[in-house]
Amino acid sequence: MFSRKQPPQASKSISSSRTPTFIAAGTEVQGDLKSQGTVRIDGIVLGSVIVDGDLEIAPGGRVEGEEVRARNILVNGEVRAKVIADGKLTLTKRANLEGDVMAKALDIEAGATFVGRSITGDGKKLPSPPNEASAKED
């Protein structure tokens, strides 16, 4: 008859990665960007982008840094960095990517620009990035 209501779990909603992060057009971020969830970049990021979820670089979006890493990556804009996709990397016809790529799967549409080397295949067989391999040896 009388039941105790459970308090709302605000901490779950705050730490939830279901809300995407947007870097809007006209916004410039100087420094590394790290996120637990999905990220869409319409502006400019001058630094590494490390995302536990999916990443989209929209048309007009640009990333220049040492590394871009996410589960699945969709590039419609510009990237000048080493790119590591634990899943699929897609370069649309508007994409411009300069840098080496490691991905489980790579999809390049006609018209995309890609300058660099690529290693694709099973994620378990992909080599560890140099900074991770040296950290394990220490």
N, C-alpha and C. Protein backbone atom coordinates (compact mmCIF):
# COMPACT_ATOMS: atom_id res chain seq x y z
N MET A 1 0.82 -1.17 0.00
CA MET A 1 0.00 0.00 0.00
C MET A 1 0.87 1.24 0.00
N PHE A 2 1.76 1.33 0.98
CA PHE A 2 2.68 2.45 0.99
C PHE A 2 4.01 1.95 0.47
N SER A 3 4.50 2.61 -0.51
CA SER A 3 5.81 2.19 -1.04
C SER A 3 6.75 3.38 -1.03
N ARG A 4 7.95 3.07 -0.81
CA ARG A 4 8.96 4.12 -0.79
C ARG A 4 9.44 4.35 -2.21
N LYS A 5 9.34 5.57 -2.65
CA LYS A 5 9.83 5.90 -3.99
C LYS A 5 11.35 5.93 -3.99
N GLN A 6 11.91 5.38 -5.02
CA GLN A 6 13.36 5.41 -5.17
C GLN A 6 13.76 6.82 -5.58
N PRO A 7 14.82 7.37 -5.00
CA PRO A 7 15.25 8.70 -5.41
C PRO A 7 15.72 8.67 -6.86
N PRO A 8 15.50 9.75 -7.58
CA PRO A 8 15.96 9.78 -8.96
C PRO A 8 17.48 9.61 -9.00
N GLN A 9 17.94 8.90 -10.01
CA GLN A 9 19.37 8.63 -10.13
C GLN A 9 20.01 9.66 -11.03
N ALA A 10 20.19 10.82 -10.48
CA ALA A 10 20.74 11.93 -11.24
C ALA A 10 22.14 11.63 -11.74
N SER A 11 22.90 10.91 -10.94
CA SER A 11 24.27 10.64 -11.35
C SER A 11 24.33 9.81 -12.62
N LYS A 12 23.34 8.91 -12.82
CA LYS A 12 23.32 8.12 -14.05
C LYS A 12 23.05 9.00 -15.26
N SER A 13 22.11 9.92 -15.13
CA SER A 13 21.78 10.77 -16.27
C SER A 13 22.92 11.74 -16.58
N ILE A 14 23.63 12.16 -15.55
CA ILE A 14 24.74 13.07 -15.79
C ILE A 14 25.90 12.35 -16.47
N SER A 15 26.19 11.13 -16.03
CA SER A 15 27.33 10.42 -16.59
C SER A 15 26.97 9.64 -17.84
N SER A 16 25.70 9.64 -18.21
CA SER A 16 25.28 8.90 -19.38
C SER A 16 25.91 9.47 -20.64
N SER A 17 26.29 8.56 -21.53
CA SER A 17 26.92 8.99 -22.77
C SER A 17 25.92 9.06 -23.91
N ARG A 18 24.64 9.10 -23.59
CA ARG A 18 23.61 9.10 -24.62
C ARG A 18 23.41 10.48 -25.25
N THR A 19 23.80 11.51 -24.58
CA THR A 19 23.66 12.86 -25.12
C THR A 19 24.90 13.17 -25.95
N PRO A 20 24.71 13.44 -27.23
CA PRO A 20 25.88 13.72 -28.08
C PRO A 20 26.52 15.07 -27.76
N THR A 21 27.79 15.17 -28.06
CA THR A 21 28.53 16.42 -27.91
C THR A 21 28.68 17.05 -29.28
N PHE A 22 28.39 18.34 -29.39
CA PHE A 22 28.51 19.07 -30.64
C PHE A 22 29.54 20.18 -30.50
N ILE A 23 30.41 20.30 -31.48
CA ILE A 23 31.28 21.46 -31.62
C ILE A 23 30.71 22.23 -32.81
N ALA A 24 30.06 23.31 -32.53
CA ALA A 24 29.30 24.04 -33.55
C ALA A 24 30.20 24.75 -34.55
N ALA A 25 29.64 25.00 -35.73
CA ALA A 25 30.34 25.81 -36.74
C ALA A 25 30.65 27.16 -36.13
N GLY A 26 31.82 27.68 -36.41
CA GLY A 26 32.25 28.95 -35.84
C GLY A 26 32.94 28.80 -34.51
N THR A 27 33.02 27.57 -33.99
CA THR A 27 33.70 27.30 -32.72
C THR A 27 35.07 26.70 -33.00
N GLU A 28 36.08 27.19 -32.29
CA GLU A 28 37.43 26.63 -32.42
C GLU A 28 37.90 26.17 -31.05
N VAL A 29 38.31 24.91 -30.97
CA VAL A 29 38.83 24.33 -29.74
C VAL A 29 40.33 24.14 -29.93
N GLN A 30 41.12 24.71 -29.02
CA GLN A 30 42.57 24.54 -29.05
C GLN A 30 42.96 23.65 -27.87
N GLY A 31 43.36 22.42 -28.19
CA GLY A 31 43.69 21.45 -27.16
C GLY A 31 42.99 20.13 -27.45
N ASP A 32 43.32 19.12 -26.67
CA ASP A 32 42.77 17.79 -26.89
C ASP A 32 41.31 17.73 -26.43
N LEU A 33 40.51 16.97 -27.18
CA LEU A 33 39.10 16.77 -26.88
C LEU A 33 38.89 15.30 -26.57
N LYS A 34 38.35 15.00 -25.39
CA LYS A 34 38.06 13.62 -24.98
C LYS A 34 36.60 13.54 -24.59
N SER A 35 35.91 12.47 -25.05
CA SER A 35 34.50 12.32 -24.76
C SER A 35 34.14 10.85 -24.58
N GLN A 36 33.17 10.59 -23.72
CA GLN A 36 32.68 9.24 -23.49
C GLN A 36 31.61 8.84 -24.50
N GLY A 37 30.97 9.79 -25.15
CA GLY A 37 29.84 9.48 -26.03
C GLY A 37 30.08 9.90 -27.46
N THR A 38 29.01 10.05 -28.18
CA THR A 38 29.04 10.43 -29.58
C THR A 38 29.41 11.91 -29.71
N VAL A 39 30.24 12.22 -30.73
CA VAL A 39 30.68 13.59 -30.96
C VAL A 39 30.48 13.95 -32.43
N ARG A 40 29.99 15.17 -32.66
CA ARG A 40 29.90 15.72 -34.02
C ARG A 40 30.65 17.04 -34.02
N ILE A 41 31.56 17.18 -34.99
CA ILE A 41 32.37 18.40 -35.09
C ILE A 41 32.00 19.15 -36.36
N ASP A 42 31.40 20.33 -36.17
CA ASP A 42 31.09 21.23 -37.28
C ASP A 42 32.09 22.38 -37.31
N GLY A 43 32.79 22.59 -36.23
CA GLY A 43 33.78 23.65 -36.11
C GLY A 43 35.18 23.13 -36.32
N ILE A 44 36.13 23.68 -35.57
CA ILE A 44 37.55 23.34 -35.72
C ILE A 44 38.10 22.86 -34.39
N VAL A 45 38.84 21.75 -34.42
CA VAL A 45 39.55 21.26 -33.25
C VAL A 45 41.02 21.19 -33.60
N LEU A 46 41.84 21.94 -32.87
CA LEU A 46 43.29 21.93 -33.06
C LEU A 46 43.90 21.15 -31.90
N GLY A 47 43.94 19.84 -32.06
CA GLY A 47 44.42 18.93 -31.03
C GLY A 47 43.89 17.54 -31.31
N SER A 48 44.26 16.60 -30.49
CA SER A 48 43.78 15.23 -30.65
C SER A 48 42.31 15.12 -30.24
N VAL A 49 41.60 14.17 -30.86
CA VAL A 49 40.21 13.90 -30.52
C VAL A 49 40.11 12.42 -30.17
N ILE A 50 39.76 12.13 -28.92
CA ILE A 50 39.65 10.76 -28.44
C ILE A 50 38.22 10.56 -27.96
N VAL A 51 37.49 9.65 -28.61
CA VAL A 51 36.07 9.45 -28.34
C VAL A 51 35.82 7.96 -28.10
N ASP A 52 35.13 7.64 -26.99
CA ASP A 52 34.78 6.25 -26.72
C ASP A 52 33.62 5.79 -27.60
N GLY A 53 32.81 6.71 -28.10
CA GLY A 53 31.68 6.38 -28.97
C GLY A 53 32.02 6.65 -30.42
N ASP A 54 31.03 7.12 -31.16
CA ASP A 54 31.19 7.42 -32.58
C ASP A 54 31.53 8.89 -32.78
N LEU A 55 32.20 9.16 -33.90
CA LEU A 55 32.64 10.53 -34.22
C LEU A 55 32.24 10.87 -35.63
N GLU A 56 31.71 12.08 -35.81
CA GLU A 56 31.42 12.60 -37.14
C GLU A 56 32.09 13.96 -37.30
N ILE A 57 32.86 14.09 -38.38
CA ILE A 57 33.40 15.39 -38.76
C ILE A 57 32.53 15.85 -39.92
N ALA A 58 31.72 16.86 -39.66
CA ALA A 58 30.72 17.32 -40.62
C ALA A 58 31.36 18.13 -41.73
N PRO A 59 30.61 18.38 -42.83
CA PRO A 59 31.13 19.26 -43.87
C PRO A 59 31.45 20.62 -43.23
N GLY A 60 32.60 21.15 -43.50
CA GLY A 60 33.02 22.40 -42.86
C GLY A 60 33.75 22.16 -41.55
N GLY A 61 33.67 20.97 -41.01
CA GLY A 61 34.39 20.64 -39.78
C GLY A 61 35.84 20.30 -40.10
N ARG A 62 36.73 20.59 -39.13
CA ARG A 62 38.16 20.33 -39.37
C ARG A 62 38.81 19.90 -38.07
N VAL A 63 39.68 18.90 -38.16
CA VAL A 63 40.47 18.44 -37.03
C VAL A 63 41.93 18.39 -37.46
N GLU A 64 42.79 19.09 -36.71
CA GLU A 64 44.23 19.05 -36.94
C GLU A 64 44.89 18.72 -35.62
N GLY A 65 45.54 17.57 -35.56
CA GLY A 65 46.18 17.18 -34.32
C GLY A 65 47.02 15.94 -34.52
N GLU A 66 47.45 15.38 -33.41
CA GLU A 66 48.29 14.19 -33.47
C GLU A 66 47.47 12.95 -33.78
N GLU A 67 46.28 12.82 -33.15
CA GLU A 67 45.51 11.58 -33.28
C GLU A 67 44.02 11.84 -33.20
N VAL A 68 43.28 11.06 -34.01
CA VAL A 68 41.82 11.01 -33.93
C VAL A 68 41.47 9.55 -33.71
N ARG A 69 40.72 9.27 -32.61
CA ARG A 69 40.40 7.88 -32.26
C ARG A 69 38.95 7.81 -31.82
N ALA A 70 38.21 6.82 -32.38
CA ALA A 70 36.82 6.59 -31.99
C ALA A 70 36.41 5.19 -32.43
N ARG A 71 35.20 4.82 -32.04
CA ARG A 71 34.69 3.50 -32.45
C ARG A 71 34.43 3.51 -33.96
N ASN A 72 33.49 4.29 -34.42
CA ASN A 72 33.20 4.47 -35.85
C ASN A 72 33.39 5.95 -36.16
N ILE A 73 34.00 6.22 -37.31
CA ILE A 73 34.30 7.61 -37.68
C ILE A 73 33.75 7.88 -39.07
N LEU A 74 33.00 8.98 -39.19
CA LEU A 74 32.46 9.43 -40.46
C LEU A 74 33.09 10.79 -40.75
N VAL A 75 33.81 10.88 -41.87
CA VAL A 75 34.48 12.13 -42.23
C VAL A 75 33.80 12.73 -43.45
N ASN A 76 33.21 13.91 -43.25
CA ASN A 76 32.65 14.72 -44.33
C ASN A 76 33.48 15.98 -44.54
N GLY A 77 34.34 16.29 -43.58
CA GLY A 77 35.15 17.50 -43.61
C GLY A 77 36.62 17.18 -43.77
N GLU A 78 37.47 17.91 -43.01
CA GLU A 78 38.92 17.77 -43.13
C GLU A 78 39.53 17.18 -41.86
N VAL A 79 40.49 16.28 -42.05
CA VAL A 79 41.25 15.72 -40.93
C VAL A 79 42.71 15.69 -41.32
N ARG A 80 43.55 16.23 -40.44
CA ARG A 80 45.00 16.13 -40.60
C ARG A 80 45.53 15.54 -39.30
N ALA A 81 45.57 14.20 -39.26
CA ALA A 81 45.99 13.49 -38.04
C ALA A 81 46.06 12.00 -38.35
N LYS A 82 46.69 11.26 -37.45
CA LYS A 82 46.63 9.80 -37.51
C LYS A 82 45.22 9.43 -37.05
N VAL A 83 44.57 8.51 -37.76
CA VAL A 83 43.19 8.15 -37.46
C VAL A 83 43.12 6.67 -37.08
N ILE A 84 42.49 6.39 -35.93
CA ILE A 84 42.32 5.02 -35.47
C ILE A 84 40.83 4.80 -35.19
N ALA A 85 40.23 3.87 -35.96
CA ALA A 85 38.83 3.52 -35.78
C ALA A 85 38.75 2.07 -35.33
N ASP A 86 38.17 1.86 -34.15
CA ASP A 86 38.00 0.49 -33.66
C ASP A 86 37.00 -0.27 -34.50
N GLY A 87 36.14 0.45 -35.20
CA GLY A 87 35.15 -0.15 -36.09
C GLY A 87 35.40 0.30 -37.52
N LYS A 88 34.48 1.09 -38.05
CA LYS A 88 34.53 1.50 -39.45
C LYS A 88 34.89 2.98 -39.60
N LEU A 89 35.77 3.26 -40.56
CA LEU A 89 36.09 4.62 -40.96
C LEU A 89 35.48 4.85 -42.33
N THR A 90 34.64 5.87 -42.43
CA THR A 90 33.99 6.20 -43.71
C THR A 90 34.43 7.58 -44.15
N LEU A 91 34.95 7.66 -45.37
CA LEU A 91 35.30 8.94 -45.98
C LEU A 91 34.29 9.21 -47.08
N THR A 92 33.47 10.25 -46.92
CA THR A 92 32.49 10.59 -47.94
C THR A 92 33.17 11.32 -49.08
N LYS A 93 32.43 11.60 -50.12
CA LYS A 93 33.00 12.26 -51.30
C LYS A 93 33.55 13.64 -51.00
N ARG A 94 33.11 14.26 -49.89
CA ARG A 94 33.60 15.59 -49.51
C ARG A 94 34.78 15.53 -48.55
N ALA A 95 35.18 14.34 -48.13
CA ALA A 95 36.22 14.18 -47.12
C ALA A 95 37.61 14.51 -47.67
N ASN A 96 38.44 15.06 -46.77
CA ASN A 96 39.84 15.33 -47.07
C ASN A 96 40.64 14.87 -45.86
N LEU A 97 41.34 13.74 -45.99
CA LEU A 97 42.08 13.17 -44.87
C LEU A 97 43.55 13.06 -45.23
N GLU A 98 44.40 13.66 -44.39
CA GLU A 98 45.84 13.54 -44.53
C GLU A 98 46.37 12.92 -43.25
N GLY A 99 46.82 11.67 -43.35
CA GLY A 99 47.35 10.98 -42.18
C GLY A 99 47.19 9.48 -42.32
N ASP A 100 47.93 8.76 -41.53
CA ASP A 100 47.85 7.30 -41.56
C ASP A 100 46.59 6.84 -40.85
N VAL A 101 46.07 5.67 -41.30
CA VAL A 101 44.80 5.17 -40.82
C VAL A 101 44.95 3.72 -40.35
N MET A 102 44.36 3.42 -39.20
CA MET A 102 44.20 2.04 -38.74
C MET A 102 42.72 1.87 -38.43
N ALA A 103 42.07 0.89 -39.08
CA ALA A 103 40.64 0.69 -38.88
C ALA A 103 40.28 -0.76 -39.15
N LYS A 104 39.21 -1.20 -38.52
CA LYS A 104 38.71 -2.55 -38.79
C LYS A 104 38.16 -2.60 -40.21
N ALA A 105 37.47 -1.54 -40.64
CA ALA A 105 36.92 -1.45 -41.99
C ALA A 105 37.10 -0.03 -42.50
N LEU A 106 37.34 0.11 -43.79
CA LEU A 106 37.57 1.42 -44.41
C LEU A 106 36.70 1.54 -45.64
N ASP A 107 35.89 2.60 -45.70
CA ASP A 107 35.01 2.85 -46.84
C ASP A 107 35.33 4.23 -47.37
N ILE A 108 35.82 4.29 -48.62
CA ILE A 108 36.19 5.56 -49.24
C ILE A 108 35.30 5.78 -50.46
N GLU A 109 34.47 6.81 -50.42
CA GLU A 109 33.60 7.14 -51.55
C GLU A 109 34.40 7.83 -52.65
N ALA A 110 33.95 7.66 -53.89
CA ALA A 110 34.57 8.35 -55.02
C ALA A 110 34.51 9.84 -54.79
N GLY A 111 35.63 10.53 -54.98
CA GLY A 111 35.70 11.97 -54.78
C GLY A 111 36.40 12.36 -53.49
N ALA A 112 36.53 11.41 -52.56
CA ALA A 112 37.23 11.70 -51.30
C ALA A 112 38.73 11.82 -51.57
N THR A 113 39.41 12.60 -50.75
CA THR A 113 40.87 12.74 -50.83
C THR A 113 41.48 12.07 -49.60
N PHE A 114 42.40 11.14 -49.85
CA PHE A 114 43.08 10.45 -48.76
C PHE A 114 44.56 10.37 -49.09
N VAL A 115 45.39 10.99 -48.26
CA VAL A 115 46.83 10.97 -48.42
C VAL A 115 47.42 10.35 -47.16
N GLY A 116 47.96 9.16 -47.28
CA GLY A 116 48.53 8.47 -46.13
C GLY A 116 48.54 6.98 -46.37
N ARG A 117 48.85 6.24 -45.32
CA ARG A 117 48.87 4.78 -45.39
C ARG A 117 47.69 4.25 -44.58
N SER A 118 47.23 3.05 -44.94
CA SER A 118 46.13 2.45 -44.19
C SER A 118 46.43 1.00 -43.85
N ILE A 119 45.99 0.62 -42.66
CA ILE A 119 46.02 -0.77 -42.21
C ILE A 119 44.60 -1.09 -41.79
N THR A 120 44.01 -2.12 -42.41
CA THR A 120 42.65 -2.49 -42.08
C THR A 120 42.59 -3.98 -41.74
N GLY A 121 41.56 -4.34 -41.03
CA GLY A 121 41.35 -5.74 -40.69
C GLY A 121 40.78 -5.90 -39.30
N ASP A 122 40.82 -7.12 -38.83
CA ASP A 122 40.28 -7.46 -37.52
C ASP A 122 40.95 -6.62 -36.44
N GLY A 123 40.15 -5.96 -35.61
CA GLY A 123 40.67 -5.08 -34.57
C GLY A 123 41.64 -5.75 -33.63
N LYS A 124 41.46 -7.06 -33.40
CA LYS A 124 42.35 -7.79 -32.50
C LYS A 124 43.73 -7.96 -33.10
N LYS A 125 43.81 -7.90 -34.43
CA LYS A 125 45.09 -8.11 -35.10
C LYS A 125 45.79 -6.80 -35.44
N LEU A 126 45.08 -5.68 -35.28
CA LEU A 126 45.69 -4.39 -35.58
C LEU A 126 46.81 -4.11 -34.60
N PRO A 127 47.91 -3.56 -35.08
CA PRO A 127 49.00 -3.24 -34.15
C PRO A 127 48.59 -2.14 -33.19
N SER A 128 49.14 -2.19 -31.99
CA SER A 128 48.89 -1.14 -31.00
C SER A 128 49.59 0.12 -31.45
N PRO A 129 48.98 1.29 -31.21
CA PRO A 129 49.68 2.53 -31.51
C PRO A 129 50.99 2.58 -30.73
N PRO A 130 52.02 3.21 -31.26
CA PRO A 130 53.33 3.24 -30.61
C PRO A 130 53.30 3.68 -29.16
N ASN A 131 52.51 4.68 -28.81
CA ASN A 131 52.49 5.17 -27.43
C ASN A 131 51.91 4.14 -26.47
N GLU A 132 50.97 3.27 -26.92
CA GLU A 132 50.43 2.23 -26.06
C GLU A 132 51.42 1.09 -25.91
N ALA A 133 52.12 0.73 -26.98
CA ALA A 133 53.07 -0.37 -26.92
C ALA A 133 54.23 -0.02 -25.97
N SER A 134 54.71 1.22 -26.02
CA SER A 134 55.81 1.61 -25.14
C SER A 134 55.37 1.70 -23.70
N ALA A 135 54.08 2.07 -23.47
CA ALA A 135 53.58 2.16 -22.10
C ALA A 135 53.48 0.77 -21.47
N LYS A 136 53.17 -0.26 -22.28
CA LYS A 136 53.06 -1.62 -21.76
C LYS A 136 54.42 -2.19 -21.42
N GLU A 137 55.46 -1.75 -22.12
CA GLU A 137 56.79 -2.26 -21.91
C GLU A 137 57.43 -1.68 -20.65
N ASP A 138 56.98 -0.49 -20.22
CA ASP A 138 57.56 0.17 -19.05
C ASP A 138 57.27 -0.54 -17.76
